[in-house]
Amino acid sequence: MSTATPLAPYDALSAVYDRWTEQNDYARWAAHLADRFRSHGRVNRVLDVCCGTGSITALLQQQGLEVVGVDGSPGMLERARARTAAGTELLQVRLPEPVPALAASFDAAVCCFDSVNYFPPDQLPDLFAGVARLLRPGGLFVFDVNTRHKLEHVFGDSHYGDDLDDFAYVWRNRYHPRERRCDFSISLFTQTPAGFTRQTERHSQWWFPADEIRSAARAAGFEQATVTDDYQDRAPGPDTLRETWALVRGR
């Protein structure tokens, strides 16, 4: 078995990501997003922020929407190209670097599956400002975040793993309360003709108090901010694992 130095997030995981996350209820998330769009008003063109392998992109396209995807991982975008409609615009950008698109050229933006948690607190205002620039006045931004309860008590200082036949993994977490951050060390064991190869990635996620999200949203020009429990219509509670936020760009 060979080993490798730590990789950037999703350099290795992109190859097995869809199998790894096949339990995610993407269809329910996309249906919730579509309901939000209908209740909000005119939404035709959508930006999928941190689109990954394009699961949400493709589902929104099936709703008749024009969707542009943006992600920092070339491996994830390669798989998104195979899943999404022919000719889909997919942009490789390491956010919060600017997205090469015209200002106010989207009716809505989405960012799913705790991607916002990957941005350190000092980058959150820049992320929101970058999205706001691309939305038309009155445009909608819907995203989700893992909660403090999840990072502190579910991930916490834990470790686990699984064997999925042609690949296996060991996942170790380390929680840092002062920084509001959970670090993940993910060792992926992938079968090759010569045996199993070990690849290790380091990930970090931060949780955000509601006041911090609202403050960053206001600074970016969003006038409204609402939050619910995990792509549902009920309010979040102390045991909520994922919050879904909706921001409206000022007119």
C-alpha atoms as a PDB file:
ATOM      1  CA  MET A   1       0.000   0.000   0.000  1.00  0.00           C
ATOM      2  CA  SER A   2       1.429   3.362  -1.045  1.00  0.00           C
ATOM      3  CA  THR A   3       0.908   6.682   0.733  1.00  0.00           C
ATOM      4  CA  ALA A   4       0.814  10.294  -0.390  1.00  0.00           C
ATOM      5  CA  THR A   5       1.199  13.714   1.152  1.00  0.00           C
ATOM      6  CA  PRO A   6      -2.043  15.491   2.164  1.00  0.00           C
ATOM      7  CA  LEU A   7      -4.078  16.755  -0.766  1.00  0.00           C
ATOM      8  CA  ALA A   8      -6.340  19.757  -1.177  1.00  0.00           C
ATOM      9  CA  PRO A   9     -10.015  19.116  -0.367  1.00  0.00           C
ATOM     10  CA  TYR A  10     -11.705  16.997  -3.042  1.00  0.00           C
ATOM     11  CA  ASP A  11      -8.548  16.234  -5.028  1.00  0.00           C
ATOM     12  CA  ALA A  12      -9.078  12.567  -4.189  1.00  0.00           C
ATOM     13  CA  LEU A  13     -12.665  12.553  -2.906  1.00  0.00           C
ATOM     14  CA  SER A  14     -14.047  13.809  -6.222  1.00  0.00           C
ATOM     15  CA  ALA A  15     -13.519  10.332  -7.701  1.00  0.00           C
ATOM     16  CA  VAL A  16     -15.820   8.665  -5.132  1.00  0.00           C
ATOM     17  CA  TYR A  17     -17.886  11.664  -3.990  1.00  0.00           C
ATOM     18  CA  ASP A  18     -21.178  10.659  -5.599  1.00  0.00           C
ATOM     19  CA  ARG A  19     -21.104   7.183  -4.063  1.00  0.00           C
ATOM     20  CA  TRP A  20     -20.046   8.657  -0.726  1.00  0.00           C
ATOM     21  CA  THR A  21     -22.999  11.091  -0.663  1.00  0.00           C
ATOM     22  CA  GLU A  22     -25.652   8.937  -2.328  1.00  0.00           C
ATOM     23  CA  GLN A  23     -27.778   9.091   0.856  1.00  0.00           C
ATOM     24  CA  ASN A  24     -28.160  12.863   0.511  1.00  0.00           C
ATOM     25  CA  ASP A  25     -31.744  13.840  -0.291  1.00  0.00           C
ATOM     26  CA  TYR A  26     -30.814  16.154  -3.152  1.00  0.00           C
ATOM     27  CA  ALA A  27     -34.300  15.827  -4.648  1.00  0.00           C
ATOM     28  CA  ARG A  28     -35.902  17.200  -1.475  1.00  0.00           C
ATOM     29  CA  TRP A  29     -33.400  20.051  -1.340  1.00  0.00           C
ATOM     30  CA  ALA A  30     -34.030  20.942  -4.991  1.00  0.00           C
ATOM     31  CA  ALA A  31     -37.809  20.794  -4.484  1.00  0.00           C
ATOM     32  CA  HIS A  32     -37.490  23.190  -1.531  1.00  0.00           C
ATOM     33  CA  LEU A  33     -35.369  25.546  -3.641  1.00  0.00           C
ATOM     34  CA  ALA A  34     -37.900  25.435  -6.476  1.00  0.00           C
ATOM     35  CA  ASP A  35     -40.715  26.264  -4.020  1.00  0.00           C
ATOM     36  CA  ARG A  36     -38.671  29.216  -2.735  1.00  0.00           C
ATOM     37  CA  PHE A  37     -38.146  30.448  -6.271  1.00  0.00           C
ATOM     38  CA  ARG A  38     -41.856  30.223  -7.106  1.00  0.00           C
ATOM     39  CA  SER A  39     -42.909  32.060  -3.967  1.00  0.00           C
ATOM     40  CA  HIS A  40     -40.243  34.718  -4.457  1.00  0.00           C
ATOM     41  CA  GLY A  41     -41.231  35.681  -7.976  1.00  0.00           C
ATOM     42  CA  ARG A  42     -39.392  35.716 -11.292  1.00  0.00           C
ATOM     43  CA  VAL A  43     -36.476  33.266 -11.245  1.00  0.00           C
ATOM     44  CA  ASN A  44     -35.086  32.016 -14.537  1.00  0.00           C
ATOM     45  CA  ARG A  45     -31.301  32.170 -14.226  1.00  0.00           C
ATOM     46  CA  VAL A  46     -29.559  30.616 -11.188  1.00  0.00           C
ATOM     47  CA  LEU A  47     -25.947  30.500  -9.991  1.00  0.00           C
ATOM     48  CA  ASP A  48     -25.008  27.261  -8.199  1.00  0.00           C
ATOM     49  CA  VAL A  49     -22.203  28.301  -5.841  1.00  0.00           C
ATOM     50  CA  CYS A  50     -19.810  25.462  -4.903  1.00  0.00           C
ATOM     51  CA  CYS A  51     -21.742  23.199  -7.279  1.00  0.00           C
ATOM     52  CA  GLY A  52     -19.534  20.151  -6.685  1.00  0.00           C
ATOM     53  CA  THR A  53     -20.430  17.270  -9.005  1.00  0.00           C
ATOM     54  CA  GLY A  54     -23.566  19.064 -10.201  1.00  0.00           C
ATOM     55  CA  SER A  55     -26.343  17.150  -8.440  1.00  0.00           C
ATOM     56  CA  ILE A  56     -28.317  20.283  -7.539  1.00  0.00           C
ATOM     57  CA  THR A  57     -27.397  21.944 -10.841  1.00  0.00           C
ATOM     58  CA  ALA A  58     -28.931  19.083 -12.816  1.00  0.00           C
ATOM     59  CA  LEU A  59     -32.075  18.887 -10.665  1.00  0.00           C
ATOM     60  CA  LEU A  60     -32.717  22.623 -11.051  1.00  0.00           C
ATOM     61  CA  GLN A  61     -32.177  22.308 -14.801  1.00  0.00           C
ATOM     62  CA  GLN A  62     -34.896  19.669 -14.812  1.00  0.00           C
ATOM     63  CA  GLN A  63     -37.175  22.358 -13.350  1.00  0.00           C
ATOM     64  CA  GLY A  64     -36.614  24.367 -16.530  1.00  0.00           C
ATOM     65  CA  LEU A  65     -34.090  26.792 -15.029  1.00  0.00           C
ATOM     66  CA  GLU A  66     -30.893  28.030 -16.638  1.00  0.00           C
ATOM     67  CA  VAL A  67     -28.125  27.177 -14.149  1.00  0.00           C
ATOM     68  CA  VAL A  68     -24.465  28.186 -14.122  1.00  0.00           C
ATOM     69  CA  GLY A  69     -22.167  26.250 -11.763  1.00  0.00           C
ATOM     70  CA  VAL A  70     -19.010  27.465 -10.044  1.00  0.00           C
ATOM     71  CA  ASP A  71     -16.563  25.404  -7.979  1.00  0.00           C
ATOM     72  CA  GLY A  72     -12.889  25.440  -7.050  1.00  0.00           C
ATOM     73  CA  SER A  73     -12.199  21.741  -7.642  1.00  0.00           C
ATOM     74  CA  PRO A  74     -11.364  20.619 -11.196  1.00  0.00           C
ATOM     75  CA  GLY A  75     -12.157  17.018 -10.276  1.00  0.00           C
ATOM     76  CA  MET A  76     -15.634  17.893  -9.042  1.00  0.00           C
ATOM     77  CA  LEU A  77     -16.338  20.022 -12.125  1.00  0.00           C
ATOM     78  CA  GLU A  78     -15.248  17.169 -14.404  1.00  0.00           C
ATOM     79  CA  ARG A  79     -18.015  15.037 -12.924  1.00  0.00           C
ATOM     80  CA  ALA A  80     -20.493  17.918 -13.040  1.00  0.00           C
ATOM     81  CA  ARG A  81     -19.925  18.177 -16.809  1.00  0.00           C
ATOM     82  CA  ALA A  82     -20.959  14.547 -17.198  1.00  0.00           C
ATOM     83  CA  ARG A  83     -24.147  15.042 -15.140  1.00  0.00           C
ATOM     84  CA  THR A  84     -25.490  18.402 -16.291  1.00  0.00           C
ATOM     85  CA  ALA A  85     -27.136  19.397 -19.548  1.00  0.00           C
ATOM     86  CA  ALA A  86     -24.937  19.728 -22.623  1.00  0.00           C
ATOM     87  CA  GLY A  87     -23.445  23.207 -22.852  1.00  0.00           C
ATOM     88  CA  THR A  88     -23.861  24.011 -19.154  1.00  0.00           C
ATOM     89  CA  GLU A  89     -21.534  26.823 -18.128  1.00  0.00           C
ATOM     90  CA  LEU A  90     -19.272  25.538 -15.367  1.00  0.00           C
ATOM     91  CA  LEU A  91     -16.632  27.900 -13.965  1.00  0.00           C
ATOM     92  CA  GLN A  92     -13.571  26.946 -11.947  1.00  0.00           C
ATOM     93  CA  VAL A  93     -13.116  29.673  -9.333  1.00  0.00           C
ATOM     94  CA  ARG A  94     -11.627  29.418  -5.849  1.00  0.00           C
ATOM     95  CA  LEU A  95     -14.158  31.546  -3.967  1.00  0.00           C
ATOM     96  CA  PRO A  96     -14.330  34.202  -2.631  1.00  0.00           C
ATOM     97  CA  GLU A  97     -12.289  35.222  -5.679  1.00  0.00           C
ATOM     98  CA  PRO A  98     -14.544  37.054  -8.177  1.00  0.00           C
ATOM     99  CA  VAL A  99     -16.716  34.997 -10.510  1.00  0.00           C
ATOM    100  CA  PRO A 100     -16.234  36.066 -14.155  1.00  0.00           C
ATOM    101  CA  ALA A 101     -19.865  36.960 -14.819  1.00  0.00           C
ATOM    102  CA  LEU A 102     -21.740  40.204 -15.377  1.00  0.00           C
ATOM    103  CA  ALA A 103     -23.102  42.046 -12.358  1.00  0.00           C
ATOM    104  CA  ALA A 104     -26.819  41.553 -11.686  1.00  0.00           C
ATOM    105  CA  SER A 105     -26.975  38.720 -14.250  1.00  0.00           C
ATOM    106  CA  PHE A 106     -28.705  36.124 -12.028  1.00  0.00           C
ATOM    107  CA  ASP A 107     -32.192  35.979 -10.508  1.00  0.00           C
ATOM    108  CA  ALA A 108     -31.089  33.642  -7.702  1.00  0.00           C
ATOM    109  CA  ALA A 109     -28.088  31.835  -6.254  1.00  0.00           C
ATOM    110  CA  VAL A 110     -27.850  28.649  -4.201  1.00  0.00           C
ATOM    111  CA  CYS A 111     -25.057  27.086  -2.149  1.00  0.00           C
ATOM    112  CA  CYS A 112     -25.859  23.623  -0.791  1.00  0.00           C
ATOM    113  CA  PHE A 113     -24.418  20.909   1.452  1.00  0.00           C
ATOM    114  CA  ASP A 114     -22.553  23.038   4.040  1.00  0.00           C
ATOM    115  CA  SER A 115     -20.205  24.620   1.500  1.00  0.00           C
ATOM    116  CA  VAL A 116     -20.488  27.982   3.293  1.00  0.00           C
ATOM    117  CA  ASN A 117     -18.958  26.358   6.396  1.00  0.00           C
ATOM    118  CA  TYR A 118     -15.684  25.993   4.480  1.00  0.00           C
ATOM    119  CA  PHE A 119     -15.176  29.767   4.483  1.00  0.00           C
ATOM    120  CA  PRO A 120     -13.385  31.203   7.537  1.00  0.00           C
ATOM    121  CA  PRO A 121     -15.343  33.936   9.349  1.00  0.00           C
ATOM    122  CA  ASP A 122     -13.180  36.691   7.864  1.00  0.00           C
ATOM    123  CA  GLN A 123     -14.123  35.509   4.339  1.00  0.00           C
ATOM    124  CA  LEU A 124     -17.885  35.362   4.911  1.00  0.00           C
ATOM    125  CA  PRO A 125     -18.481  39.073   4.078  1.00  0.00           C
ATOM    126  CA  ASP A 126     -16.487  38.729   0.839  1.00  0.00           C
ATOM    127  CA  LEU A 127     -18.440  35.611  -0.150  1.00  0.00           C
ATOM    128  CA  PHE A 128     -21.774  37.345   0.425  1.00  0.00           C
ATOM    129  CA  ALA A 129     -20.626  40.500  -1.360  1.00  0.00           C
ATOM    130  CA  GLY A 130     -19.492  38.476  -4.369  1.00  0.00           C
ATOM    131  CA  VAL A 131     -22.850  36.703  -4.613  1.00  0.00           C
ATOM    132  CA  ALA A 132     -24.790  39.949  -4.104  1.00  0.00           C
ATOM    133  CA  ARG A 133     -22.897  41.574  -6.990  1.00  0.00           C
ATOM    134  CA  LEU A 134     -24.089  38.863  -9.354  1.00  0.00           C
ATOM    135  CA  LEU A 135     -27.760  39.028  -8.295  1.00  0.00           C
ATOM    136  CA  ARG A 136     -30.250  41.442  -9.781  1.00  0.00           C
ATOM    137  CA  PRO A 137     -31.970  43.813  -7.319  1.00  0.00           C
ATOM    138  CA  GLY A 138     -34.459  41.702  -5.384  1.00  0.00           C
ATOM    139  CA  GLY A 139     -32.537  38.526  -6.240  1.00  0.00           C
ATOM    140  CA  LEU A 140     -32.603  35.546  -3.856  1.00  0.00           C
ATOM    141  CA  PHE A 141     -29.666  33.711  -2.266  1.00  0.00           C
ATOM    142  CA  VAL A 142     -30.445  30.381  -0.541  1.00  0.00           C
ATOM    143  CA  PHE A 143     -27.707  28.461   1.254  1.00  0.00           C
ATOM    144  CA  ASP A 144     -27.301  26.000   4.109  1.00  0.00           C
ATOM    145  CA  VAL A 145     -24.826  25.765   6.982  1.00  0.00           C
ATOM    146  CA  ASN A 146     -23.904  23.109   9.501  1.00  0.00           C
ATOM    147  CA  THR A 147     -24.785  24.349  12.981  1.00  0.00           C
ATOM    148  CA  ARG A 148     -22.699  24.749  16.096  1.00  0.00           C
ATOM    149  CA  HIS A 149     -24.509  21.712  17.542  1.00  0.00           C
ATOM    150  CA  LYS A 150     -23.380  19.561  14.614  1.00  0.00           C
ATOM    151  CA  LEU A 151     -19.743  20.687  14.542  1.00  0.00           C
ATOM    152  CA  GLU A 152     -19.362  20.657  18.318  1.00  0.00           C
ATOM    153  CA  HIS A 153     -21.390  17.614  19.375  1.00  0.00           C
ATOM    154  CA  VAL A 154     -21.932  15.394  16.303  1.00  0.00           C
ATOM    155  CA  PHE A 155     -18.545  15.792  14.593  1.00  0.00           C
ATOM    156  CA  GLY A 156     -16.652  17.005  17.666  1.00  0.00           C
ATOM    157  CA  ASP A 157     -13.560  14.932  18.520  1.00  0.00           C
ATOM    158  CA  SER A 158     -14.738  11.731  16.853  1.00  0.00           C
ATOM    159  CA  HIS A 159     -13.551   9.263  14.271  1.00  0.00           C
ATOM    160  CA  TYR A 160     -15.246   6.691  12.067  1.00  0.00           C
ATOM    161  CA  GLY A 161     -14.869   4.891   8.760  1.00  0.00           C
ATOM    162  CA  ASP A 162     -16.327   2.374   6.361  1.00  0.00           C
ATOM    163  CA  ASP A 163     -15.355  -0.205   3.756  1.00  0.00           C
ATOM    164  CA  LEU A 164     -17.257   0.207   0.480  1.00  0.00           C
ATOM    165  CA  ASP A 165     -15.608  -2.619  -1.471  1.00  0.00           C
ATOM    166  CA  ASP A 166     -13.454  -0.763  -4.009  1.00  0.00           C
ATOM    167  CA  PHE A 167     -12.655   2.069  -1.588  1.00  0.00           C
ATOM    168  CA  ALA A 168     -12.580   2.624   2.151  1.00  0.00           C
ATOM    169  CA  TYR A 169     -12.016   5.625   4.372  1.00  0.00           C
ATOM    170  CA  VAL A 170     -11.071   6.699   7.874  1.00  0.00           C
ATOM    171  CA  TRP A 171     -12.437  10.074   9.021  1.00  0.00           C
ATOM    172  CA  ARG A 172     -10.981  11.805  12.104  1.00  0.00           C
ATOM    173  CA  ASN A 173     -12.344  15.054  13.563  1.00  0.00           C
ATOM    174  CA  ARG A 174     -10.804  17.598  15.885  1.00  0.00           C
ATOM    175  CA  TYR A 175     -12.941  20.423  17.298  1.00  0.00           C
ATOM    176  CA  HIS A 176     -11.422  23.769  18.334  1.00  0.00           C
ATOM    177  CA  PRO A 177     -13.986  25.659  20.451  1.00  0.00           C
ATOM    178  CA  ARG A 178     -12.112  28.951  20.603  1.00  0.00           C
ATOM    179  CA  GLU A 179     -11.893  29.152  16.804  1.00  0.00           C
ATOM    180  CA  ARG A 180     -15.409  27.687  16.263  1.00  0.00           C
ATOM    181  CA  ARG A 181     -13.728  25.271  13.858  1.00  0.00           C
ATOM    182  CA  CYS A 182     -13.762  21.539  13.232  1.00  0.00           C
ATOM    183  CA  ASP A 183     -10.842  20.002  11.323  1.00  0.00           C
ATOM    184  CA  PHE A 184     -11.335  16.786   9.349  1.00  0.00           C
ATOM    185  CA  SER A 185      -8.548  14.436   8.344  1.00  0.00           C
ATOM    186  CA  ILE A 186      -9.914  12.033   5.731  1.00  0.00           C
ATOM    187  CA  SER A 187      -7.804   9.083   4.608  1.00  0.00           C
ATOM    188  CA  LEU A 188      -9.136   7.484   1.440  1.00  0.00           C
ATOM    189  CA  PHE A 189      -8.033   3.982   0.433  1.00  0.00           C
ATOM    190  CA  THR A 190      -8.663   3.360  -3.267  1.00  0.00           C
ATOM    191  CA  GLN A 191      -8.176   0.028  -5.025  1.00  0.00           C
ATOM    192  CA  THR A 192      -5.748  -0.056  -7.941  1.00  0.00           C
ATOM    193  CA  PRO A 193      -4.262  -2.960  -9.944  1.00  0.00           C
ATOM    194  CA  ALA A 194      -1.204  -2.761  -7.681  1.00  0.00           C
ATOM    195  CA  GLY A 195      -3.221  -2.763  -4.441  1.00  0.00           C
ATOM    196  CA  PHE A 196      -4.727  -0.034  -2.313  1.00  0.00           C
ATOM    197  CA  THR A 197      -3.460   3.548  -2.437  1.00  0.00           C
ATOM    198  CA  ARG A 198      -3.877   5.826   0.559  1.00  0.00           C
ATOM    199  CA  GLN A 199      -4.633   9.525  -0.017  1.00  0.00           C
ATOM    200  CA  THR A 200      -5.247  12.015   2.787  1.00  0.00           C
ATOM    201  CA  GLU A 201      -7.175  15.266   2.624  1.00  0.00           C
ATOM    202  CA  ARG A 202      -7.526  17.986   5.279  1.00  0.00           C
ATOM    203  CA  HIS A 203     -10.806  19.874   5.563  1.00  0.00           C
ATOM    204  CA  SER A 204     -11.950  22.589   7.976  1.00  0.00           C
ATOM    205  CA  GLN A 205     -15.411  23.930   8.718  1.00  0.00           C
ATOM    206  CA  TRP A 206     -16.499  26.892  10.847  1.00  0.00           C
ATOM    207  CA  TRP A 207     -19.914  27.541  12.387  1.00  0.00           C
ATOM    208  CA  PHE A 208     -21.514  30.981  12.399  1.00  0.00           C
ATOM    209  CA  PRO A 209     -23.785  32.653  14.966  1.00  0.00           C
ATOM    210  CA  ALA A 210     -27.002  33.927  13.401  1.00  0.00           C
ATOM    211  CA  ASP A 211     -26.079  37.535  14.194  1.00  0.00           C
ATOM    212  CA  GLU A 212     -22.806  37.134  12.283  1.00  0.00           C
ATOM    213  CA  ILE A 213     -24.621  35.827   9.201  1.00  0.00           C
ATOM    214  CA  ARG A 214     -27.159  38.652   9.361  1.00  0.00           C
ATOM    215  CA  SER A 215     -24.436  41.271   9.801  1.00  0.00           C
ATOM    216  CA  ALA A 216     -22.415  39.990   6.842  1.00  0.00           C
ATOM    217  CA  ALA A 217     -25.590  39.839   4.757  1.00  0.00           C
ATOM    218  CA  ARG A 218     -26.508  43.458   5.551  1.00  0.00           C
ATOM    219  CA  ALA A 219     -22.984  44.641   4.756  1.00  0.00           C
ATOM    220  CA  ALA A 220     -23.202  42.898   1.364  1.00  0.00           C
ATOM    221  CA  GLY A 221     -26.481  44.640   0.509  1.00  0.00           C
ATOM    222  CA  PHE A 222     -29.034  41.976   1.419  1.00  0.00           C
ATOM    223  CA  GLU A 223     -32.145  43.464   3.014  1.00  0.00           C
ATOM    224  CA  GLN A 224     -33.945  40.351   4.249  1.00  0.00           C
ATOM    225  CA  ALA A 225     -32.665  37.210   5.972  1.00  0.00           C
ATOM    226  CA  THR A 226     -34.763  34.236   7.086  1.00  0.00           C
ATOM    227  CA  VAL A 227     -33.667  30.855   8.443  1.00  0.00           C
ATOM    228  CA  THR A 228     -35.362  27.452   8.649  1.00  0.00           C
ATOM    229  CA  ASP A 229     -34.474  23.894   9.649  1.00  0.00           C
ATOM    230  CA  ASP A 230     -32.776  21.827   6.921  1.00  0.00           C
ATOM    231  CA  TYR A 231     -34.741  22.709   3.761  1.00  0.00           C
ATOM    232  CA  GLN A 232     -38.047  22.657   5.619  1.00  0.00           C
ATOM    233  CA  ASP A 233     -40.559  25.344   6.601  1.00  0.00           C
ATOM    234  CA  ARG A 234     -40.165  24.976  10.369  1.00  0.00           C
ATOM    235  CA  ALA A 235     -37.943  27.152  12.534  1.00  0.00           C
ATOM    236  CA  PRO A 236     -34.556  25.751  13.639  1.00  0.00           C
ATOM    237  CA  GLY A 237     -34.156  24.482  17.197  1.00  0.00           C
ATOM    238  CA  PRO A 238     -31.330  23.567  19.576  1.00  0.00           C
ATOM    239  CA  ASP A 239     -30.876  20.146  17.944  1.00  0.00           C
ATOM    240  CA  THR A 240     -30.919  21.403  14.350  1.00  0.00           C
ATOM    241  CA  LEU A 241     -27.998  19.985  12.355  1.00  0.00           C
ATOM    242  CA  ARG A 242     -28.372  22.082   9.200  1.00  0.00           C
ATOM    243  CA  GLU A 243     -29.884  25.543   8.817  1.00  0.00           C
ATOM    244  CA  THR A 244     -31.236  26.845   5.512  1.00  0.00           C
ATOM    245  CA  TRP A 245     -30.936  30.597   4.992  1.00  0.00           C
ATOM    246  CA  ALA A 246     -32.617  32.820   2.408  1.00  0.00           C
ATOM    247  CA  LEU A 247     -31.301  36.330   1.704  1.00  0.00           C
ATOM    248  CA  VAL A 248     -32.872  38.944  -0.581  1.00  0.00           C
ATOM    249  CA  ARG A 249     -30.686  41.489  -2.331  1.00  0.00           C
ATOM    250  CA  GLY A 250     -31.708  45.088  -1.751  1.00  0.00           C
ATOM    251  CA  ARG A 251     -33.535  46.883  -4.528  1.00  0.00           C
END
